[in-house]
Amino acid sequence: MPKSTVPSEQSVTSPYQPGEWARDVAEEMPGSREFGELVETFRELQSALCAAAPSVELMAQLNREFRDATERLTEFRVPELERYPRRPDLTGRGHPVLIPYIVQELRDRDMVAVVEFTDSQLGGNGAVHGGTIPLLFDDLLGIFVSIKGQPGSRTAFLKVNYRKITPIHRKLRVEASIDRIDGRKTWITGRLLDGDELLAEAEALFLRLLPGQP
């Protein structure tokens, strides 16, 4: 794997943007850009909410506004395959719960990405909630397997070892490596680093689905 440092904007000559994961997406779905901006605003809202202690009056006001927005969105509910939060060309696949990351290096058997956790992932004392780290690994490793390993695979096994506290509001490096492919099985490992310090590591097995399997 490459040296464990987070590339700066100057050192990265051609960082992979979210859309470059989606080679099979021929054309951008109408509204994708606007939906991506909406999801980013939602993430900022969620982070601000987690870090705030608003007045009772503001809470009541925002509750009404959020309820109104929820009802308006519910009017546009569509079947799963028609929803925006499935698209690999949007950060975090356009899903407000997933952890967004930017791919910096992408090769056939390894990749590097940069991620930054916010107040919405805070567990306590400036540390990322432990439950969000497996979420990051599961999503990133799974997408990497689907693109460079075996498309249509699901997580069969995921083990995460926590080595050090993971901080919020800091650009961190994520590395992934496809170690072995055997039939329908793909073994892959991942690492989360702050500079040269290993924060967490993951071992995973993904299994390619048979025709007709959900």
C-alpha atoms as a PDB file:
ATOM      1  CA  MET A   1       0.000   0.000   0.000  1.00  0.00           C
ATOM      2  CA  PRO A   2       1.125   3.626  -0.531  1.00  0.00           C
ATOM      3  CA  LYS A   3       2.630   5.611   2.349  1.00  0.00           C
ATOM      4  CA  SER A   4      -0.022   6.448   4.901  1.00  0.00           C
ATOM      5  CA  THR A   5      -0.407  10.196   4.493  1.00  0.00           C
ATOM      6  CA  VAL A   6      -3.434  12.209   3.508  1.00  0.00           C
ATOM      7  CA  PRO A   7      -2.722  13.789   0.121  1.00  0.00           C
ATOM      8  CA  SER A   8      -3.005  17.551   0.038  1.00  0.00           C
ATOM      9  CA  GLU A   9      -4.903  19.301  -2.724  1.00  0.00           C
ATOM     10  CA  GLN A  10      -1.536  20.289  -4.215  1.00  0.00           C
ATOM     11  CA  SER A  11      -0.076  16.770  -4.161  1.00  0.00           C
ATOM     12  CA  VAL A  12      -3.054  15.067  -5.799  1.00  0.00           C
ATOM     13  CA  THR A  13      -2.900  15.661  -9.524  1.00  0.00           C
ATOM     14  CA  SER A  14      -6.116  13.897 -10.483  1.00  0.00           C
ATOM     15  CA  PRO A  15      -8.281  12.948  -7.466  1.00  0.00           C
ATOM     16  CA  TYR A  16     -11.236  10.715  -8.251  1.00  0.00           C
ATOM     17  CA  GLN A  17     -14.471  12.589  -7.858  1.00  0.00           C
ATOM     18  CA  PRO A  18     -17.635  10.730  -6.799  1.00  0.00           C
ATOM     19  CA  GLY A  19     -18.859  10.330 -10.387  1.00  0.00           C
ATOM     20  CA  GLU A  20     -15.771   8.383 -11.387  1.00  0.00           C
ATOM     21  CA  TRP A  21     -16.975   5.431  -9.334  1.00  0.00           C
ATOM     22  CA  ALA A  22     -19.990   5.204 -11.620  1.00  0.00           C
ATOM     23  CA  ARG A  23     -18.520   4.130 -14.940  1.00  0.00           C
ATOM     24  CA  ASP A  24     -21.723   2.229 -15.734  1.00  0.00           C
ATOM     25  CA  VAL A  25     -23.889   5.336 -15.312  1.00  0.00           C
ATOM     26  CA  ALA A  26     -24.217   6.586 -18.887  1.00  0.00           C
ATOM     27  CA  GLU A  27     -25.983   9.838 -18.115  1.00  0.00           C
ATOM     28  CA  GLU A  28     -26.631  11.784 -14.967  1.00  0.00           C
ATOM     29  CA  MET A  29     -30.158  11.386 -13.669  1.00  0.00           C
ATOM     30  CA  PRO A  30     -32.028  14.719 -13.912  1.00  0.00           C
ATOM     31  CA  GLY A  31     -31.831  16.419 -10.547  1.00  0.00           C
ATOM     32  CA  SER A  32     -28.773  14.497  -9.308  1.00  0.00           C
ATOM     33  CA  ARG A  33     -26.745  17.648  -8.727  1.00  0.00           C
ATOM     34  CA  GLU A  34     -29.589  19.331  -6.863  1.00  0.00           C
ATOM     35  CA  PHE A  35     -30.227  16.215  -4.783  1.00  0.00           C
ATOM     36  CA  GLY A  36     -26.539  15.988  -3.929  1.00  0.00           C
ATOM     37  CA  GLU A  37     -26.626  19.597  -2.729  1.00  0.00           C
ATOM     38  CA  LEU A  38     -29.779  18.859  -0.718  1.00  0.00           C
ATOM     39  CA  VAL A  39     -28.126  15.883   0.986  1.00  0.00           C
ATOM     40  CA  GLU A  40     -25.032  17.955   1.785  1.00  0.00           C
ATOM     41  CA  THR A  41     -27.228  20.642   3.349  1.00  0.00           C
ATOM     42  CA  PHE A  42     -29.002  17.925   5.359  1.00  0.00           C
ATOM     43  CA  ARG A  43     -25.646  16.628   6.615  1.00  0.00           C
ATOM     44  CA  GLU A  44     -24.644  20.144   7.662  1.00  0.00           C
ATOM     45  CA  LEU A  45     -27.999  20.515   9.418  1.00  0.00           C
ATOM     46  CA  GLN A  46     -27.557  17.213  11.234  1.00  0.00           C
ATOM     47  CA  SER A  47     -24.065  18.206  12.376  1.00  0.00           C
ATOM     48  CA  ALA A  48     -25.273  21.629  13.519  1.00  0.00           C
ATOM     49  CA  LEU A  49     -28.167  20.047  15.427  1.00  0.00           C
ATOM     50  CA  CYS A  50     -25.834  17.620  17.203  1.00  0.00           C
ATOM     51  CA  ALA A  51     -23.565  20.478  18.296  1.00  0.00           C
ATOM     52  CA  ALA A  52     -26.260  22.966  19.377  1.00  0.00           C
ATOM     53  CA  ALA A  53     -28.225  23.743  22.524  1.00  0.00           C
ATOM     54  CA  PRO A  54     -31.064  25.812  21.011  1.00  0.00           C
ATOM     55  CA  SER A  55     -33.670  27.723  22.961  1.00  0.00           C
ATOM     56  CA  VAL A  56     -37.067  26.157  23.598  1.00  0.00           C
ATOM     57  CA  GLU A  57     -38.627  28.676  21.218  1.00  0.00           C
ATOM     58  CA  LEU A  58     -36.221  27.809  18.405  1.00  0.00           C
ATOM     59  CA  MET A  59     -36.728  24.088  18.962  1.00  0.00           C
ATOM     60  CA  ALA A  60     -40.488  24.505  18.633  1.00  0.00           C
ATOM     61  CA  GLN A  61     -40.099  26.583  15.495  1.00  0.00           C
ATOM     62  CA  LEU A  62     -37.644  24.178  13.864  1.00  0.00           C
ATOM     63  CA  ASN A  63     -39.813  21.202  14.789  1.00  0.00           C
ATOM     64  CA  ARG A  64     -42.688  22.734  12.831  1.00  0.00           C
ATOM     65  CA  GLU A  65     -40.435  23.484   9.872  1.00  0.00           C
ATOM     66  CA  PHE A  66     -38.899  20.001   9.879  1.00  0.00           C
ATOM     67  CA  ARG A  67     -42.347  18.419  10.121  1.00  0.00           C
ATOM     68  CA  ASP A  68     -43.513  20.480   7.161  1.00  0.00           C
ATOM     69  CA  ALA A  69     -40.449  19.452   5.130  1.00  0.00           C
ATOM     70  CA  THR A  70     -41.010  15.781   6.036  1.00  0.00           C
ATOM     71  CA  GLU A  71     -44.616  15.897   4.867  1.00  0.00           C
ATOM     72  CA  ARG A  72     -43.603  17.570   1.590  1.00  0.00           C
ATOM     73  CA  LEU A  73     -40.929  14.957   0.905  1.00  0.00           C
ATOM     74  CA  THR A  74     -43.332  12.122   1.713  1.00  0.00           C
ATOM     75  CA  GLU A  75     -45.469  13.221  -1.222  1.00  0.00           C
ATOM     76  CA  PHE A  76     -42.593  12.277  -3.526  1.00  0.00           C
ATOM     77  CA  ARG A  77     -41.974   8.767  -2.167  1.00  0.00           C
ATOM     78  CA  VAL A  78     -41.022   6.369  -4.989  1.00  0.00           C
ATOM     79  CA  PRO A  79     -40.012   2.681  -5.299  1.00  0.00           C
ATOM     80  CA  GLU A  80     -36.486   1.796  -4.168  1.00  0.00           C
ATOM     81  CA  LEU A  81     -34.921   1.559  -7.627  1.00  0.00           C
ATOM     82  CA  GLU A  82     -36.087   5.071  -8.514  1.00  0.00           C
ATOM     83  CA  ARG A  83     -34.577   6.796  -5.487  1.00  0.00           C
ATOM     84  CA  TYR A  84     -31.525   9.034  -5.576  1.00  0.00           C
ATOM     85  CA  PRO A  85     -29.808   7.496  -2.484  1.00  0.00           C
ATOM     86  CA  ARG A  86     -28.513   4.557  -4.543  1.00  0.00           C
ATOM     87  CA  ARG A  87     -26.210   6.429  -6.877  1.00  0.00           C
ATOM     88  CA  PRO A  88     -22.429   5.907  -6.715  1.00  0.00           C
ATOM     89  CA  ASP A  89     -21.910   9.202  -8.545  1.00  0.00           C
ATOM     90  CA  LEU A  90     -22.981  11.156  -5.433  1.00  0.00           C
ATOM     91  CA  THR A  91     -20.888  11.504  -2.276  1.00  0.00           C
ATOM     92  CA  GLY A  92     -21.980   8.901   0.247  1.00  0.00           C
ATOM     93  CA  ARG A  93     -24.067   7.508  -2.637  1.00  0.00           C
ATOM     94  CA  GLY A  94     -26.504  10.322  -2.008  1.00  0.00           C
ATOM     95  CA  HIS A  95     -27.558   8.725   1.276  1.00  0.00           C
ATOM     96  CA  PRO A  96     -27.612  11.157   4.218  1.00  0.00           C
ATOM     97  CA  VAL A  97     -26.786   8.431   6.755  1.00  0.00           C
ATOM     98  CA  LEU A  98     -23.700   7.020   4.995  1.00  0.00           C
ATOM     99  CA  ILE A  99     -20.278   8.562   5.630  1.00  0.00           C
ATOM    100  CA  PRO A 100     -19.150  10.623   2.605  1.00  0.00           C
ATOM    101  CA  TYR A 101     -15.586  10.218   1.373  1.00  0.00           C
ATOM    102  CA  ILE A 102     -13.549  11.328  -1.631  1.00  0.00           C
ATOM    103  CA  VAL A 103     -11.518   8.753  -3.551  1.00  0.00           C
ATOM    104  CA  GLN A 104      -7.946   9.913  -4.169  1.00  0.00           C
ATOM    105  CA  GLU A 105      -6.382   6.818  -5.736  1.00  0.00           C
ATOM    106  CA  LEU A 106      -8.101   3.905  -7.445  1.00  0.00           C
ATOM    107  CA  ARG A 107      -6.368   0.838  -8.860  1.00  0.00           C
ATOM    108  CA  ASP A 108      -7.365  -2.739  -9.645  1.00  0.00           C
ATOM    109  CA  ARG A 109      -6.543  -4.104  -6.206  1.00  0.00           C
ATOM    110  CA  ASP A 110      -6.182  -1.121  -3.882  1.00  0.00           C
ATOM    111  CA  MET A 111      -7.629   2.320  -3.296  1.00  0.00           C
ATOM    112  CA  VAL A 112      -7.152   5.382  -1.082  1.00  0.00           C
ATOM    113  CA  ALA A 113      -9.840   7.806   0.066  1.00  0.00           C
ATOM    114  CA  VAL A 114     -10.117  10.765   2.417  1.00  0.00           C
ATOM    115  CA  VAL A 115     -12.870  11.062   5.012  1.00  0.00           C
ATOM    116  CA  GLU A 116     -13.735  13.633   7.673  1.00  0.00           C
ATOM    117  CA  PHE A 117     -16.152  12.854  10.500  1.00  0.00           C
ATOM    118  CA  THR A 118     -18.319  15.643  11.940  1.00  0.00           C
ATOM    119  CA  ASP A 119     -20.314  16.369  15.092  1.00  0.00           C
ATOM    120  CA  SER A 120     -23.081  14.130  13.775  1.00  0.00           C
ATOM    121  CA  GLN A 121     -20.742  11.136  14.253  1.00  0.00           C
ATOM    122  CA  LEU A 122     -19.449  12.235  17.680  1.00  0.00           C
ATOM    123  CA  GLY A 123     -19.443   9.584  20.375  1.00  0.00           C
ATOM    124  CA  GLY A 124     -17.894  11.646  23.155  1.00  0.00           C
ATOM    125  CA  ASN A 125     -14.757  13.532  24.204  1.00  0.00           C
ATOM    126  CA  GLY A 126     -13.997  14.521  20.606  1.00  0.00           C
ATOM    127  CA  ALA A 127     -13.983  10.902  19.430  1.00  0.00           C
ATOM    128  CA  VAL A 128     -15.994   9.370  16.612  1.00  0.00           C
ATOM    129  CA  HIS A 129     -18.772   7.006  17.725  1.00  0.00           C
ATOM    130  CA  GLY A 130     -17.431   3.474  17.359  1.00  0.00           C
ATOM    131  CA  GLY A 131     -20.494   2.289  15.484  1.00  0.00           C
ATOM    132  CA  THR A 132     -19.921   4.638  12.556  1.00  0.00           C
ATOM    133  CA  ILE A 133     -16.502   3.181  11.720  1.00  0.00           C
ATOM    134  CA  PRO A 134     -17.859  -0.253  10.670  1.00  0.00           C
ATOM    135  CA  LEU A 135     -20.482   1.642   8.639  1.00  0.00           C
ATOM    136  CA  LEU A 136     -17.704   3.463   6.780  1.00  0.00           C
ATOM    137  CA  PHE A 137     -15.742   0.267   6.151  1.00  0.00           C
ATOM    138  CA  ASP A 138     -18.784  -1.739   5.073  1.00  0.00           C
ATOM    139  CA  ASP A 139     -19.860   0.880   2.551  1.00  0.00           C
ATOM    140  CA  LEU A 140     -16.426   1.746   1.152  1.00  0.00           C
ATOM    141  CA  LEU A 141     -15.154  -1.834   0.965  1.00  0.00           C
ATOM    142  CA  GLY A 142     -18.421  -3.042  -0.524  1.00  0.00           C
ATOM    143  CA  ILE A 143     -18.432  -0.415  -3.262  1.00  0.00           C
ATOM    144  CA  PHE A 144     -14.776  -1.150  -4.048  1.00  0.00           C
ATOM    145  CA  VAL A 145     -15.506  -4.886  -4.353  1.00  0.00           C
ATOM    146  CA  SER A 146     -18.480  -4.190  -6.617  1.00  0.00           C
ATOM    147  CA  ILE A 147     -16.356  -2.031  -8.941  1.00  0.00           C
ATOM    148  CA  LYS A 148     -12.979  -3.802  -8.933  1.00  0.00           C
ATOM    149  CA  GLY A 149     -13.823  -7.232  -7.549  1.00  0.00           C
ATOM    150  CA  GLN A 150     -17.157  -8.902  -8.138  1.00  0.00           C
ATOM    151  CA  PRO A 151     -20.259  -6.809  -8.892  1.00  0.00           C
ATOM    152  CA  GLY A 152     -23.398  -7.747  -7.031  1.00  0.00           C
ATOM    153  CA  SER A 153     -21.693  -8.858  -3.805  1.00  0.00           C
ATOM    154  CA  ARG A 154     -22.937  -8.580  -0.236  1.00  0.00           C
ATOM    155  CA  THR A 155     -21.149  -8.492   3.095  1.00  0.00           C
ATOM    156  CA  ALA A 156     -20.697 -11.975   4.554  1.00  0.00           C
ATOM    157  CA  PHE A 157     -18.224 -11.068   7.311  1.00  0.00           C
ATOM    158  CA  LEU A 158     -16.804  -7.830   8.701  1.00  0.00           C
ATOM    159  CA  LYS A 159     -14.386  -7.556  11.615  1.00  0.00           C
ATOM    160  CA  VAL A 160     -13.136  -4.173  12.862  1.00  0.00           C
ATOM    161  CA  ASN A 161     -10.233  -3.708  15.271  1.00  0.00           C
ATOM    162  CA  TYR A 162     -10.023  -0.332  17.008  1.00  0.00           C
ATOM    163  CA  ARG A 163      -6.421   0.744  17.549  1.00  0.00           C
ATOM    164  CA  LYS A 164      -6.728   4.398  18.621  1.00  0.00           C
ATOM    165  CA  ILE A 165      -9.407   7.017  19.179  1.00  0.00           C
ATOM    166  CA  THR A 166     -10.698   8.428  15.879  1.00  0.00           C
ATOM    167  CA  PRO A 167     -11.079  12.239  15.987  1.00  0.00           C
ATOM    168  CA  ILE A 168     -13.816  14.332  14.423  1.00  0.00           C
ATOM    169  CA  HIS A 169     -13.134  17.410  12.257  1.00  0.00           C
ATOM    170  CA  ARG A 170      -9.898  15.992  10.874  1.00  0.00           C
ATOM    171  CA  LYS A 171      -9.082  14.718   7.394  1.00  0.00           C
ATOM    172  CA  LEU A 172      -8.264  11.036   7.659  1.00  0.00           C
ATOM    173  CA  ARG A 173      -6.999   8.485   5.170  1.00  0.00           C
ATOM    174  CA  VAL A 174      -8.819   5.262   4.314  1.00  0.00           C
ATOM    175  CA  GLU A 175      -7.011   2.456   2.506  1.00  0.00           C
ATOM    176  CA  ALA A 176      -8.549  -0.683   1.022  1.00  0.00           C
ATOM    177  CA  SER A 177      -6.947  -3.715  -0.576  1.00  0.00           C
ATOM    178  CA  ILE A 178      -8.518  -6.696  -2.323  1.00  0.00           C
ATOM    179  CA  ASP A 179      -6.455  -9.592  -1.009  1.00  0.00           C
ATOM    180  CA  ARG A 180      -7.986 -12.620  -2.694  1.00  0.00           C
ATOM    181  CA  ILE A 181     -10.809 -13.685  -4.995  1.00  0.00           C
ATOM    182  CA  ASP A 182     -11.939 -17.308  -4.934  1.00  0.00           C
ATOM    183  CA  GLY A 183     -15.095 -18.213  -6.817  1.00  0.00           C
ATOM    184  CA  ARG A 184     -17.898 -16.024  -5.472  1.00  0.00           C
ATOM    185  CA  LYS A 185     -15.814 -14.905  -2.471  1.00  0.00           C
ATOM    186  CA  THR A 186     -13.753 -11.717  -2.233  1.00  0.00           C
ATOM    187  CA  TRP A 187     -11.498 -11.114   0.762  1.00  0.00           C
ATOM    188  CA  ILE A 188     -10.642  -7.468   1.418  1.00  0.00           C
ATOM    189  CA  THR A 189      -8.937  -5.429   4.136  1.00  0.00           C
ATOM    190  CA  GLY A 190      -9.175  -1.773   5.093  1.00  0.00           C
ATOM    191  CA  ARG A 191      -7.318   0.700   7.288  1.00  0.00           C
ATOM    192  CA  LEU A 192      -8.232   4.094   8.750  1.00  0.00           C
ATOM    193  CA  LEU A 193      -5.269   6.360   9.465  1.00  0.00           C
ATOM    194  CA  ASP A 194      -4.456   9.773  10.882  1.00  0.00           C
ATOM    195  CA  GLY A 195      -1.142  10.502   9.197  1.00  0.00           C
ATOM    196  CA  ASP A 196       0.948   7.424  10.005  1.00  0.00           C
ATOM    197  CA  GLU A 197      -1.129   6.472  13.055  1.00  0.00           C
ATOM    198  CA  LEU A 198      -3.406   3.480  12.579  1.00  0.00           C
ATOM    199  CA  LEU A 199      -6.835   4.215  14.065  1.00  0.00           C
ATOM    200  CA  ALA A 200      -8.810   1.159  12.952  1.00  0.00           C
ATOM    201  CA  GLU A 201      -8.479  -1.780  10.598  1.00  0.00           C
ATOM    202  CA  ALA A 202     -11.009  -4.090   9.017  1.00  0.00           C
ATOM    203  CA  GLU A 203     -11.117  -7.570   7.539  1.00  0.00           C
ATOM    204  CA  ALA A 204     -14.085  -8.480   5.374  1.00  0.00           C
ATOM    205  CA  LEU A 205     -15.490 -11.191   3.164  1.00  0.00           C
ATOM    206  CA  PHE A 206     -17.940 -10.315   0.405  1.00  0.00           C
ATOM    207  CA  LEU A 207     -19.979 -12.932  -1.410  1.00  0.00           C
ATOM    208  CA  ARG A 208     -21.240 -12.513  -4.973  1.00  0.00           C
ATOM    209  CA  LEU A 209     -24.963 -13.144  -5.093  1.00  0.00           C
ATOM    210  CA  LEU A 210     -26.479 -15.890  -7.192  1.00  0.00           C
ATOM    211  CA  PRO A 211     -29.022 -14.931  -9.862  1.00  0.00           C
ATOM    212  CA  GLY A 212     -32.308 -14.034  -8.193  1.00  0.00           C
ATOM    213  CA  GLN A 213     -30.818 -13.438  -4.733  1.00  0.00           C
ATOM    214  CA  PRO A 214     -31.788 -10.059  -3.204  1.00  0.00           C
END
